[in-house]
């Protein structure tokens, strides 16, 4: 009997070792795949206006300021106090500047790597809530290959970091159901969210609490959970207290009211839309995984008495309702809902994987995948051969999508479950091709390129700190960053007034505006296509 017990124990140890190595392989594999996808070609394109340009300016101010200036605690933008968001991400970018210099790659690297880390974190959440590993793997792969998550996660914005910190908080919350020590991680995740995007932490924290209230209410009475939250909240409270003591009521008015709560009822920069704005955003950008979303949520609703379904329902519904009720609408506000959609999709695809061989797949899958394939082939042929300016890289990207959709449609029609692997691999390759192209930040094509204009401004000899007025109607933070000057939009009348009143005016104007102004004593400091930099000719 002793020999039998020994053999059984040895087999159990081998099984545990195999399980351990399988888990390590999944985590490392997902992390490597994410790091490659999120890290490739980060510096290939200029920074985007608004979020990227503003974040980069604040981070550069922190980087250039001496430590005793406390700029890391009281951030500025172009020398003025910056009250928009807490400076955690700006500090991380400033740190990368100290290592790799000020450039596009170092500006985008912290956010991209944090978003990459969120992929294995989502896998970890799946392992906590699903009985089988397959559903967790499928969830992570769906999340890895969602276009809006990949694209915005690579930009120098705050939203990729929010995804990472929120998934960390949820993972620790799920782990704390078995080990209360993980409650400390819940507080850390909450604190990091608040130090990145302020009051968004209240909404995401409320989602976590609603889930616990529904699923594991005993945790709400846990001493460890509240200690963890208090410890995580202390740095947040100290930072806000320091800002209030330093700036007074102006900080409260700007940071908490105008930049946070006021967005609920007032649109920022006319960014508004109907209540279904974010549903349309999901419908437009979640293919091909949107194909399985109706069945995914049907399965979730049918299992709403289980923990995994409760988490998905609370997460997706509460967050979508909250942001849909806001007046300000911006595409990246919807990013935190995508992990919940990925979990729902992963649960359903795991069910499909175990369908009996005799069960057929919905005919609509074949039709929709075929339509996506036709659209992909049509776009590839057009951009490759018939577009006014041939875009071979766009044609190649669309061809990769078309191949995946074509093979997927064929395998679905044959009731072959390998269609999932084809879709995962095809989307990953397509996204990789997109990220290595010159098109992944497509907003850059909406206005003139900033880098040539910024180089002209830098070469003009205009002193630092001088303001430049431009005939372009919109503010361009990316131009301010690259030129290291403040370029301010102005009307034709204001440009004329500025020219007359200032002894050394600097104007960045287009030829048509210059003709309308009919200025005298003009000295040209530089020119690029469609733009010229001028000042007054001194006597």
Protein backbone atom coordinates (compact mmCIF):
# COMPACT_ATOMS: atom_id res chain seq x y z
CA UNK A 1 0.00 0.00 0.00
CA UNK A 2 2.90 2.33 0.73
CA UNK A 3 4.20 1.88 -2.80
CA UNK A 4 0.76 2.62 -4.21
CA UNK A 5 0.47 5.85 -2.20
CA UNK A 6 3.91 6.94 -3.31
CA UNK A 7 3.10 6.34 -6.97
CA UNK A 8 -0.17 8.29 -6.70
CA UNK A 9 1.60 11.20 -5.01
CA UNK A 10 4.27 11.21 -7.71
CA UNK A 11 1.63 11.31 -10.44
CA UNK A 12 -0.16 14.18 -8.71
CA UNK A 13 3.11 16.12 -8.46
CA UNK A 14 3.75 15.58 -12.16
CA UNK A 15 0.25 16.81 -12.98
CA UNK A 16 0.78 19.93 -10.87
CA UNK A 17 4.14 20.55 -12.53
CA UNK A 18 2.56 20.19 -15.97
CA UNK A 19 -0.24 22.56 -14.98
CA UNK A 20 2.28 25.07 -13.67
CA UNK A 21 4.33 25.03 -16.85
CA UNK A 22 1.18 25.27 -18.99
CA UNK A 23 0.14 28.34 -17.01
CA UNK A 24 3.58 29.92 -17.38
CA UNK A 25 3.56 29.19 -21.11
CA UNK A 26 0.15 30.87 -21.56
CA UNK A 27 1.09 33.95 -19.55
CA UNK A 28 4.49 34.42 -21.16
CA UNK A 29 3.14 33.70 -24.63
CA UNK A 30 0.35 36.26 -24.29
CA UNK A 31 2.74 38.84 -22.83
CA UNK A 32 5.30 38.40 -25.62
CA UNK A 33 2.61 38.59 -28.31
CA UNK A 34 1.20 41.75 -26.71
CA UNK A 35 4.58 43.42 -26.22
CA UNK A 36 5.50 42.82 -29.86
CA UNK A 37 2.17 44.13 -31.16
CA UNK A 38 2.07 47.15 -28.85
CA UNK A 39 5.75 47.98 -29.09
CA UNK A 40 6.49 47.76 -32.80
CA UNK A 41 6.93 50.99 -34.77
CA UNK A 42 5.94 53.28 -31.89
CA UNK A 43 8.14 56.06 -33.21
CA UNK A 44 7.19 55.72 -36.87
CA UNK A 45 4.58 58.48 -36.86
CA UNK A 46 4.30 61.95 -35.35
CA UNK A 47 2.35 62.51 -32.15
CA UNK A 48 -1.37 63.08 -32.53
CA UNK A 49 -3.00 66.35 -31.55
CA UNK A 50 -4.72 66.86 -28.23
CA UNK A 51 -4.07 63.96 -25.89
CA UNK A 52 -0.65 62.96 -27.21
CA UNK A 53 0.57 66.50 -27.74
CA UNK A 54 -0.62 67.65 -24.31
CA UNK A 55 0.71 64.61 -22.43
CA UNK A 56 4.09 64.98 -24.14
CA UNK A 57 4.34 68.69 -23.26
CA UNK A 58 3.59 68.06 -19.59
CA UNK A 59 6.06 65.17 -19.44
CA UNK A 60 8.78 67.25 -21.10
CA UNK A 61 8.24 70.08 -18.63
CA UNK A 62 8.72 67.59 -15.79
CA UNK A 63 11.80 66.12 -17.45
CA UNK A 64 13.50 69.47 -18.05
CA UNK A 65 12.71 70.94 -14.63
CA UNK A 66 15.22 70.53 -11.78
CA UNK A 67 14.11 68.18 -9.01
CA UNK A 68 13.93 70.96 -6.42
CA UNK A 69 11.32 72.78 -8.55
CA UNK A 70 8.74 70.10 -7.56
CA UNK A 71 7.45 70.10 -11.14
CA UNK A 72 6.75 66.37 -10.71
CA UNK A 73 4.25 67.30 -7.97
CA UNK A 74 2.90 70.50 -9.51
CA UNK A 75 3.00 69.81 -13.27
CA UNK A 76 2.88 72.57 -15.86
CA UNK A 77 2.28 72.91 -19.58
CA UNK A 78 4.28 75.64 -21.30
CA UNK A 79 4.96 77.13 -17.88
CA UNK A 80 1.29 77.30 -16.87
CA UNK A 81 -0.25 75.06 -14.15
CA UNK A 82 -1.66 71.82 -15.57
CA UNK A 83 -4.85 70.85 -13.76
CA UNK A 84 -6.42 68.49 -16.29
CA UNK A 85 -5.35 65.10 -14.89
CA UNK A 86 -3.05 63.75 -12.14
CA UNK A 87 0.52 63.32 -13.37
CA UNK A 88 1.23 59.58 -12.92
CA UNK A 89 1.52 58.80 -16.64
CA UNK A 90 3.37 62.05 -17.29
CA UNK A 91 5.91 61.04 -14.64
CA UNK A 92 6.41 57.64 -16.28
CA UNK A 93 6.95 59.29 -19.67
CA UNK A 94 9.38 61.79 -18.13
CA UNK A 95 11.28 58.81 -16.72
CA UNK A 96 11.55 57.24 -20.18
CA UNK A 97 12.75 60.61 -21.50
CA UNK A 98 15.61 60.45 -19.01
CA UNK A 99 16.59 57.05 -20.42
CA UNK A 100 15.91 57.31 -24.16
CA UNK A 101 15.55 61.03 -24.86
CA UNK A 102 12.51 63.01 -25.97
CA UNK A 103 10.96 61.35 -29.02
CA UNK A 104 7.81 59.60 -30.18
CA UNK A 105 8.93 56.14 -29.06
CA UNK A 106 9.70 57.14 -25.48
CA UNK A 107 6.50 59.20 -25.31
CA UNK A 108 4.33 56.23 -26.28
CA UNK A 109 6.31 53.43 -24.60
CA UNK A 110 4.91 53.55 -21.02
CA UNK A 111 1.27 53.47 -22.08
CA UNK A 112 1.93 50.80 -24.70
CA UNK A 113 3.70 48.49 -22.26
CA UNK A 114 1.05 48.94 -19.57
CA UNK A 115 -1.63 48.04 -22.11
CA UNK A 116 0.40 45.01 -23.16
CA UNK A 117 0.55 43.88 -19.52
CA UNK A 118 -3.24 44.11 -19.38
CA UNK A 119 -3.49 41.15 -21.81
CA UNK A 120 -2.10 38.51 -19.40
CA UNK A 121 -4.01 40.27 -16.61
CA UNK A 122 -7.25 39.61 -18.48
CA UNK A 123 -6.15 36.00 -18.88
CA UNK A 124 -5.65 35.90 -15.11
CA UNK A 125 -9.17 37.22 -14.58
CA UNK A 126 -10.46 34.50 -16.88
CA UNK A 127 -8.62 31.86 -14.88
CA UNK A 128 -10.30 33.13 -11.72
CA UNK A 129 -13.86 33.11 -13.05
CA UNK A 130 -13.97 30.31 -15.64
CA UNK A 131 -13.74 26.62 -14.72
CA UNK A 132 -11.64 25.85 -17.82
CA UNK A 133 -8.48 27.48 -19.13
CA UNK A 134 -9.77 27.54 -22.72
CA UNK A 135 -12.31 30.30 -22.02
CA UNK A 136 -9.58 32.42 -20.42
CA UNK A 137 -7.28 31.92 -23.42
CA UNK A 138 -10.00 32.83 -25.89
CA UNK A 139 -10.91 35.93 -23.85
CA UNK A 140 -7.30 37.13 -23.82
CA UNK A 141 -6.90 36.50 -27.56
CA UNK A 142 -10.08 38.43 -28.38
CA UNK A 143 -8.85 41.30 -26.21
CA UNK A 144 -5.40 41.14 -27.81
CA UNK A 145 -6.86 41.49 -31.31
CA UNK A 146 -9.40 44.28 -30.75
CA UNK A 147 -8.44 47.20 -33.00
CA UNK A 148 -9.55 50.08 -30.72
CA UNK A 149 -7.69 48.63 -27.73
CA UNK A 150 -4.49 48.09 -29.70
CA UNK A 151 -4.54 51.47 -31.41
CA UNK A 152 -5.42 53.63 -28.41
CA UNK A 153 -3.22 51.54 -26.13
CA UNK A 154 -0.20 52.43 -28.29
CA UNK A 155 -0.90 56.16 -28.21
CA UNK A 156 0.55 58.44 -25.53
CA UNK A 157 -2.77 58.66 -23.72
CA UNK A 158 -4.01 57.70 -20.27
CA UNK A 159 -6.55 55.08 -21.32
CA UNK A 160 -4.17 52.16 -21.86
CA UNK A 161 -2.85 52.61 -18.34
CA UNK A 162 -6.42 52.75 -17.04
CA UNK A 163 -7.11 49.36 -18.64
CA UNK A 164 -4.05 47.88 -16.95
CA UNK A 165 -4.80 49.30 -13.50
CA UNK A 166 -8.49 48.39 -13.62
CA UNK A 167 -7.77 44.82 -14.69
CA UNK A 168 -5.20 44.62 -11.90
CA UNK A 169 -7.84 45.77 -9.41
CA UNK A 170 -10.41 43.26 -10.69
CA UNK A 171 -7.91 40.39 -10.69
CA UNK A 172 -6.86 41.14 -7.11
CA UNK A 173 -10.52 41.44 -6.10
CA UNK A 174 -11.26 37.99 -7.53
CA UNK A 175 -8.17 36.50 -5.89
CA UNK A 176 -9.13 38.02 -2.55
CA UNK A 177 -12.17 35.74 -2.45
CA UNK A 178 -9.67 32.95 -1.68
CA UNK A 179 -6.80 34.90 -0.16
CA UNK A 180 -7.59 38.15 1.65
CA UNK A 181 -4.01 39.38 1.25
CA UNK A 182 -4.87 40.33 -2.32
CA UNK A 183 -7.13 43.07 -0.95
CA UNK A 184 -4.00 45.19 -0.80
CA UNK A 185 -3.76 44.89 -4.59
CA UNK A 186 -7.36 46.12 -4.88
CA UNK A 187 -6.37 49.32 -3.08
CA UNK A 188 -3.22 49.71 -5.17
CA UNK A 189 -5.17 49.34 -8.42
CA UNK A 190 -7.78 51.84 -7.24
CA UNK A 191 -5.11 54.35 -6.23
CA UNK A 192 -3.29 54.01 -9.57
CA UNK A 193 -6.53 54.66 -11.47
CA UNK A 194 -7.22 57.79 -9.42
CA UNK A 195 -3.65 59.04 -9.90
CA UNK A 196 -4.03 58.56 -13.66
CA UNK A 197 -7.51 59.83 -14.46
CA UNK A 198 -8.99 61.27 -11.29
CA UNK A 199 -12.67 60.66 -10.69
CA UNK A 200 -12.85 57.78 -13.19
CA UNK A 201 -11.61 55.71 -10.26
CA UNK A 202 -14.94 56.34 -8.51
CA UNK A 203 -16.91 54.82 -11.41
CA UNK A 204 -14.61 51.83 -11.86
CA UNK A 205 -14.46 51.28 -8.10
CA UNK A 206 -18.27 51.36 -7.96
CA UNK A 207 -18.41 48.64 -10.63
CA UNK A 208 -16.10 46.44 -8.55
CA UNK A 209 -18.19 47.04 -5.42
CA UNK A 210 -21.46 46.27 -7.19
CA UNK A 211 -20.04 42.97 -8.39
CA UNK A 212 -18.88 42.03 -4.90
CA UNK A 213 -22.22 43.06 -3.43
CA UNK A 214 -23.96 40.69 -5.86
CA UNK A 215 -21.46 37.83 -5.88
CA UNK A 216 -19.47 37.80 -2.62
CA UNK A 217 -21.04 40.25 -0.14
CA UNK A 218 -18.99 38.84 2.75
CA UNK A 219 -15.95 40.66 1.32
CA UNK A 220 -17.61 44.01 2.00
CA UNK A 221 -17.24 43.34 5.72
CA UNK A 222 -13.62 42.30 5.39
CA UNK A 223 -11.16 44.35 7.41
CA UNK A 224 -8.45 43.59 4.84
CA UNK A 225 -10.45 45.05 1.94
CA UNK A 226 -11.00 48.36 3.69
CA UNK A 227 -7.40 48.54 4.86
CA UNK A 228 -6.29 47.92 1.28
CA UNK A 229 -8.55 50.68 -0.03
CA UNK A 230 -7.41 53.11 2.64
CA UNK A 231 -3.74 52.42 1.90
CA UNK A 232 -4.35 52.83 -1.85
CA UNK A 233 -6.29 56.05 -1.32
CA UNK A 234 -3.68 57.76 0.88
CA UNK A 235 -1.39 58.83 -2.01
CA UNK A 236 -4.44 60.09 -3.91
CA UNK A 237 -5.65 62.15 -0.96
CA UNK A 238 -2.16 63.54 -0.35
CA UNK A 239 -1.78 64.60 -3.99
CA UNK A 240 -5.15 66.34 -4.11
CA UNK A 241 -4.46 68.01 -0.76
CA UNK A 242 -1.08 69.25 -2.02
CA UNK A 243 -2.72 70.74 -5.13
CA UNK A 244 -5.39 72.48 -3.08
CA UNK A 245 -2.88 73.93 -0.63
CA UNK A 246 -0.68 75.12 -3.50
CA UNK A 247 -3.29 76.49 -5.92
CA UNK A 248 -6.35 77.02 -3.73
CA UNK A 249 -9.86 77.07 -5.16
CA UNK A 250 -8.60 77.49 -8.73
CA UNK A 251 -7.47 73.85 -8.67
CA UNK A 252 -10.90 72.64 -7.50
CA UNK A 253 -12.67 74.75 -10.12
CA UNK A 254 -10.44 73.63 -12.99
CA UNK A 255 -9.54 70.03 -12.15
CA UNK A 256 -12.61 68.65 -10.40
CA UNK A 257 -15.34 70.81 -11.93
CA UNK A 258 -14.38 71.87 -15.46
CA UNK A 259 -12.16 68.92 -16.40
CA UNK A 260 -14.12 66.19 -14.61
CA UNK A 261 -17.69 66.62 -13.36
CA UNK A 262 -18.65 69.26 -15.91
CA UNK A 263 -18.06 66.77 -18.73
CA UNK A 264 -21.14 64.92 -17.51
CA UNK A 265 -23.52 67.70 -18.55
CA UNK A 266 -21.42 69.93 -20.84
CA UNK A 267 -19.69 68.83 -24.07
CA UNK A 268 -15.95 69.50 -24.26
CA UNK A 269 -14.84 71.11 -27.54
CA UNK A 270 -18.23 70.19 -29.06
CA UNK A 271 -17.50 66.46 -28.64
CA UNK A 272 -21.03 65.22 -28.13
CA UNK A 273 -23.38 62.62 -29.56
CA UNK A 274 -26.58 60.63 -29.00
CA UNK A 275 -26.97 58.19 -26.08
CA UNK A 276 -26.24 55.27 -28.44
CA UNK A 277 -22.91 56.82 -29.53
CA UNK A 278 -20.80 54.15 -27.83
CA UNK A 279 -22.96 51.29 -29.07
CA UNK A 280 -22.23 52.50 -32.59
CA UNK A 281 -18.54 52.75 -31.70
CA UNK A 282 -18.56 49.10 -30.60
CA UNK A 283 -20.48 48.07 -33.72
CA UNK A 284 -17.98 49.83 -35.97
CA UNK A 285 -14.72 48.66 -34.45
CA UNK A 286 -15.17 45.23 -32.85
CA UNK A 287 -15.14 43.00 -35.93
CA UNK A 288 -14.91 40.06 -36.38
CA UNK A 289 -15.62 39.37 -32.68
CA UNK A 290 -18.84 41.36 -32.84
CA UNK A 291 -20.18 38.43 -34.85
CA UNK A 292 -20.38 36.34 -31.67
CA UNK A 293 -21.55 39.09 -29.31
CA UNK A 294 -25.32 38.35 -29.38
CA UNK A 295 -24.82 34.66 -28.48
CA UNK A 296 -22.14 35.63 -25.97
CA UNK A 297 -24.48 37.82 -23.98
CA UNK A 298 -27.31 35.35 -24.33
CA UNK A 299 -25.05 32.74 -22.71
CA UNK A 300 -24.00 35.27 -20.06
CA UNK A 301 -27.60 36.10 -19.21
CA UNK A 302 -28.56 32.43 -19.00
CA UNK A 303 -25.76 31.90 -16.46
CA UNK A 304 -26.35 35.10 -14.49
CA UNK A 305 -26.36 33.11 -11.25
CA UNK A 306 -22.65 32.30 -11.80
CA UNK A 307 -19.79 34.58 -10.79
CA UNK A 308 -18.31 35.05 -14.27
CA UNK A 309 -21.66 36.13 -15.72
CA UNK A 310 -22.32 38.52 -12.82
CA UNK A 311 -18.96 40.21 -13.39
CA UNK A 312 -19.56 40.66 -17.13
CA UNK A 313 -23.10 41.94 -16.70
CA UNK A 314 -22.23 44.46 -13.99
CA UNK A 315 -19.04 45.57 -15.73
CA UNK A 316 -20.49 46.11 -19.20
CA UNK A 317 -23.94 47.46 -18.30
CA UNK A 318 -22.97 49.90 -15.53
CA UNK A 319 -20.02 51.34 -17.43
CA UNK A 320 -21.90 51.69 -20.73
CA UNK A 321 -24.87 53.34 -19.03
CA UNK A 322 -22.60 55.77 -17.18
CA UNK A 323 -20.62 56.97 -20.21
CA UNK A 324 -23.72 57.01 -22.45
CA UNK A 325 -25.43 59.38 -20.00
CA UNK A 326 -22.50 61.82 -20.22
CA UNK A 327 -22.84 64.75 -22.61
CA UNK A 328 -19.19 64.64 -23.65
CA UNK A 329 -18.58 61.77 -26.07
CA UNK A 330 -15.09 60.67 -27.09
CA UNK A 331 -14.28 57.32 -28.79
CA UNK A 332 -11.68 56.21 -26.25
CA UNK A 333 -14.04 56.60 -23.29
CA UNK A 334 -15.51 53.20 -24.22
CA UNK A 335 -12.20 51.30 -23.90
CA UNK A 336 -12.80 49.92 -20.36
CA UNK A 337 -15.85 47.99 -21.61
CA UNK A 338 -13.88 45.94 -24.14
CA UNK A 339 -12.34 43.54 -21.56
CA UNK A 340 -15.87 42.63 -20.41
CA UNK A 341 -16.92 41.99 -24.01
CA UNK A 342 -13.81 39.87 -24.51
CA UNK A 343 -14.65 37.77 -21.44
CA UNK A 344 -18.18 37.21 -22.74
CA UNK A 345 -16.85 36.27 -26.17
CA UNK A 346 -14.24 33.95 -24.70
CA UNK A 347 -16.87 32.11 -22.64
CA UNK A 348 -19.04 31.58 -25.70
CA UNK A 349 -16.21 30.48 -28.02
CA UNK A 350 -15.17 27.91 -25.42
CA UNK A 351 -18.73 26.57 -25.60
CA UNK A 352 -18.55 26.48 -29.39
CA UNK A 353 -15.22 24.65 -29.22
CA UNK A 354 -16.94 21.81 -27.36
CA UNK A 355 -19.96 21.62 -29.70
CA UNK A 356 -20.62 18.04 -30.85
CA UNK A 357 -19.45 17.29 -34.39
CA UNK A 358 -23.05 16.92 -35.53
CA UNK A 359 -24.06 20.44 -34.46
CA UNK A 360 -23.91 23.05 -37.21
CA UNK A 361 -22.92 26.68 -36.76
CA UNK A 362 -25.34 29.54 -37.46
CA UNK A 363 -25.62 30.25 -41.18
CA UNK A 364 -25.37 33.99 -40.43
CA UNK A 365 -21.72 33.46 -39.42
CA UNK A 366 -20.87 32.19 -42.88
CA UNK A 367 -22.73 35.04 -44.57
CA UNK A 368 -21.16 37.81 -42.45
CA UNK A 369 -17.64 36.39 -42.69
CA UNK A 370 -18.11 36.08 -46.45
CA UNK A 371 -19.24 39.71 -46.66
CA UNK A 372 -16.21 40.82 -44.64
CA UNK A 373 -14.02 38.79 -46.99
CA UNK A 374 -15.57 40.42 -50.08
CA UNK A 375 -15.10 43.87 -48.54
CA UNK A 376 -11.49 43.03 -47.72
CA UNK A 377 -10.70 41.73 -51.20
CA UNK A 378 -12.45 44.69 -52.82
CA UNK A 379 -10.55 47.20 -50.69
CA UNK A 380 -7.26 45.41 -51.28
CA UNK A 381 -7.66 45.44 -55.05
CA UNK A 382 -8.78 49.08 -55.08
CA UNK A 383 -5.94 50.46 -52.94
CA UNK A 384 -3.39 48.20 -54.61
CA UNK A 385 -4.27 48.96 -58.23
CA UNK A 386 -6.97 51.57 -58.83
CA UNK A 387 -6.71 54.26 -56.11
CA UNK A 388 -5.60 57.72 -57.34
CA UNK A 389 -2.51 57.32 -55.15
CA UNK A 390 -1.63 53.66 -54.83
CA UNK A 391 -1.41 52.50 -51.21
CA UNK A 392 0.25 49.10 -51.39
CA UNK A 393 0.50 48.78 -47.60
CA UNK A 394 -3.25 49.35 -47.16
CA UNK A 395 -3.88 46.78 -49.87
CA UNK A 396 -1.67 44.29 -48.05
CA UNK A 397 -3.44 44.87 -44.72
CA UNK A 398 -6.86 44.39 -46.29
CA UNK A 399 -5.62 41.29 -48.12
CA UNK A 400 -4.56 39.77 -44.80
CA UNK A 401 -8.00 40.50 -43.36
CA UNK A 402 -9.67 39.07 -46.46
CA UNK A 403 -7.65 35.84 -46.31
CA UNK A 404 -8.59 35.33 -42.65
CA UNK A 405 -12.26 36.03 -43.27
CA UNK A 406 -12.34 33.79 -46.36
CA UNK A 407 -10.75 30.84 -44.58
CA UNK A 408 -12.95 31.50 -41.55
CA UNK A 409 -16.11 31.43 -43.67
CA UNK A 410 -15.06 28.16 -45.32
CA UNK A 411 -14.26 26.48 -42.00
CA UNK A 412 -17.49 27.69 -40.41
CA UNK A 413 -19.44 26.32 -43.36
CA UNK A 414 -17.70 22.97 -42.78
CA UNK A 415 -18.42 23.14 -39.02
CA UNK A 416 -14.69 23.06 -38.32
CA UNK A 417 -13.81 24.63 -34.98
CA UNK A 418 -10.37 25.57 -36.29
CA UNK A 419 -11.98 28.72 -37.69
CA UNK A 420 -11.27 30.32 -34.31
CA UNK A 421 -7.54 29.85 -34.67
CA UNK A 422 -7.67 31.26 -38.19
CA UNK A 423 -9.53 34.37 -37.02
CA UNK A 424 -7.18 34.92 -34.07
CA UNK A 425 -4.06 34.51 -36.16
CA UNK A 426 -5.45 36.49 -39.10
CA UNK A 427 -6.44 39.44 -36.93
CA UNK A 428 -3.08 39.44 -35.15
CA UNK A 429 -1.18 39.48 -38.45
CA UNK A 430 -3.48 42.16 -39.88
CA UNK A 431 -3.00 44.36 -36.83
CA UNK A 432 0.75 43.82 -36.98
CA UNK A 433 0.77 44.96 -40.62
CA UNK A 434 -1.34 48.00 -39.71
CA UNK A 435 0.94 49.00 -36.83
CA UNK A 436 4.05 48.76 -39.01
CA UNK A 437 2.43 50.95 -41.68
CA UNK A 438 2.09 54.73 -41.88
CA UNK A 439 -1.66 54.61 -41.31
CA UNK A 440 -2.31 53.43 -37.77
CA UNK A 441 -2.63 57.03 -36.53
CA UNK A 442 -5.01 57.99 -39.31
CA UNK A 443 -6.04 61.25 -37.61
CA UNK A 444 -2.74 62.76 -38.77
CA UNK A 445 -4.19 62.99 -42.28
CA UNK A 446 -6.94 65.34 -41.08
CA UNK A 447 -4.62 68.38 -40.91
CA UNK A 448 -1.26 69.56 -42.20
CA UNK A 449 1.90 67.72 -41.01
CA UNK A 450 3.23 69.42 -37.89
CA UNK A 451 6.89 68.37 -37.96
CA UNK A 452 8.00 70.42 -41.01
CA UNK A 453 6.21 73.49 -39.64
CA UNK A 454 7.70 72.92 -36.18
CA UNK A 455 11.18 72.57 -37.67
CA UNK A 456 10.71 75.85 -39.53
CA UNK A 457 9.71 77.56 -36.26
CA UNK A 458 12.70 76.16 -34.41
CA UNK A 459 15.08 77.27 -37.17
CA UNK A 460 13.62 80.78 -37.27
CA UNK A 461 15.39 82.04 -34.18
CA UNK A 462 12.18 83.02 -32.38
CA UNK A 463 13.05 83.20 -28.65
CA UNK A 464 11.62 80.54 -26.36
CA UNK A 465 8.49 81.69 -24.58
CA UNK A 466 7.36 83.92 -27.44
CA UNK A 467 3.83 83.32 -28.66
CA UNK A 468 3.07 82.74 -32.32
CA UNK A 469 -0.36 83.46 -33.76
CA UNK A 470 -1.67 81.43 -36.65
CA UNK A 471 -4.47 81.61 -39.18
CA UNK A 472 -5.22 77.91 -38.69
CA UNK A 473 -8.58 77.79 -36.87
CA UNK A 474 -7.75 75.10 -34.29
CA UNK A 475 -5.18 74.68 -31.55
CA UNK A 476 -2.61 71.98 -32.28
CA UNK A 477 -0.85 70.70 -29.13
CA UNK A 478 1.43 68.47 -31.22
CA UNK A 479 2.76 71.58 -33.01
CA UNK A 480 3.34 73.25 -29.65
CA UNK A 481 5.29 70.19 -28.51
CA UNK A 482 7.51 69.86 -31.57
CA UNK A 483 8.17 73.59 -31.96
CA UNK A 484 8.58 74.17 -28.20
CA UNK A 485 6.52 77.33 -28.66
CA UNK A 486 2.86 78.18 -28.12
CA UNK A 487 1.09 78.56 -31.48
CA UNK A 488 -2.28 80.23 -30.89
CA UNK A 489 -5.19 80.28 -33.39
CA UNK A 490 -6.56 83.73 -34.21
CA UNK A 491 -9.08 85.27 -36.59
CA UNK A 492 -8.03 87.56 -39.42
CA UNK A 493 -9.09 90.63 -37.41
CA UNK A 494 -7.13 89.50 -34.35
CA UNK A 495 -4.08 88.78 -36.47
CA UNK A 496 -4.28 92.31 -37.89
CA UNK A 497 -4.65 93.79 -34.42
CA UNK A 498 -1.76 91.78 -33.06
CA UNK A 499 0.45 92.89 -35.94
CA UNK A 500 -0.32 96.53 -35.30
CA UNK A 501 0.07 96.50 -31.51
CA UNK A 502 3.12 94.27 -30.99
CA UNK A 503 6.59 95.55 -31.77
CA UNK A 504 7.84 92.04 -32.64
CA UNK A 505 4.85 90.03 -33.87
CA UNK A 506 5.19 86.46 -35.09
CA UNK A 507 2.57 85.05 -37.44
CA UNK A 508 2.21 81.58 -38.92
CA UNK A 509 -0.16 82.11 -41.83
CA UNK A 510 -1.20 80.69 -45.16
CA UNK A 511 -0.74 82.71 -48.39
CA UNK A 512 -4.45 83.55 -48.73
CA UNK A 513 -4.57 85.06 -45.24
CA UNK A 514 -1.39 87.03 -45.92
CA UNK A 515 -3.03 88.53 -48.98
CA UNK A 516 -6.15 89.47 -46.98
CA UNK A 517 -4.11 91.13 -44.24
CA UNK A 518 -2.13 93.33 -46.69
CA UNK A 519 0.61 93.82 -44.10
CA UNK A 520 3.50 96.24 -44.45
CA UNK A 521 7.17 95.75 -43.56
CA UNK A 522 6.92 91.96 -43.70
CA UNK A 523 10.01 89.88 -42.97
CA UNK A 524 9.80 86.20 -43.86
CA UNK A 525 11.44 83.90 -41.31
CA UNK A 526 10.67 80.63 -43.02
CA UNK A 527 8.38 78.83 -45.40
CA UNK A 528 7.05 75.34 -46.00
CA UNK A 529 4.33 74.23 -48.41
CA UNK A 530 1.10 76.18 -47.62
CA UNK A 531 2.60 78.01 -44.60
CA UNK A 532 4.96 80.86 -43.92
CA UNK A 533 6.36 82.37 -40.74
CA UNK A 534 6.65 86.14 -40.72
CA UNK A 535 7.49 89.07 -38.46
CA UNK A 536 7.83 92.83 -38.89
CA UNK A 537 10.84 94.16 -40.74
CA UNK A 538 12.76 96.36 -38.34
CA UNK A 539 13.85 99.77 -39.54
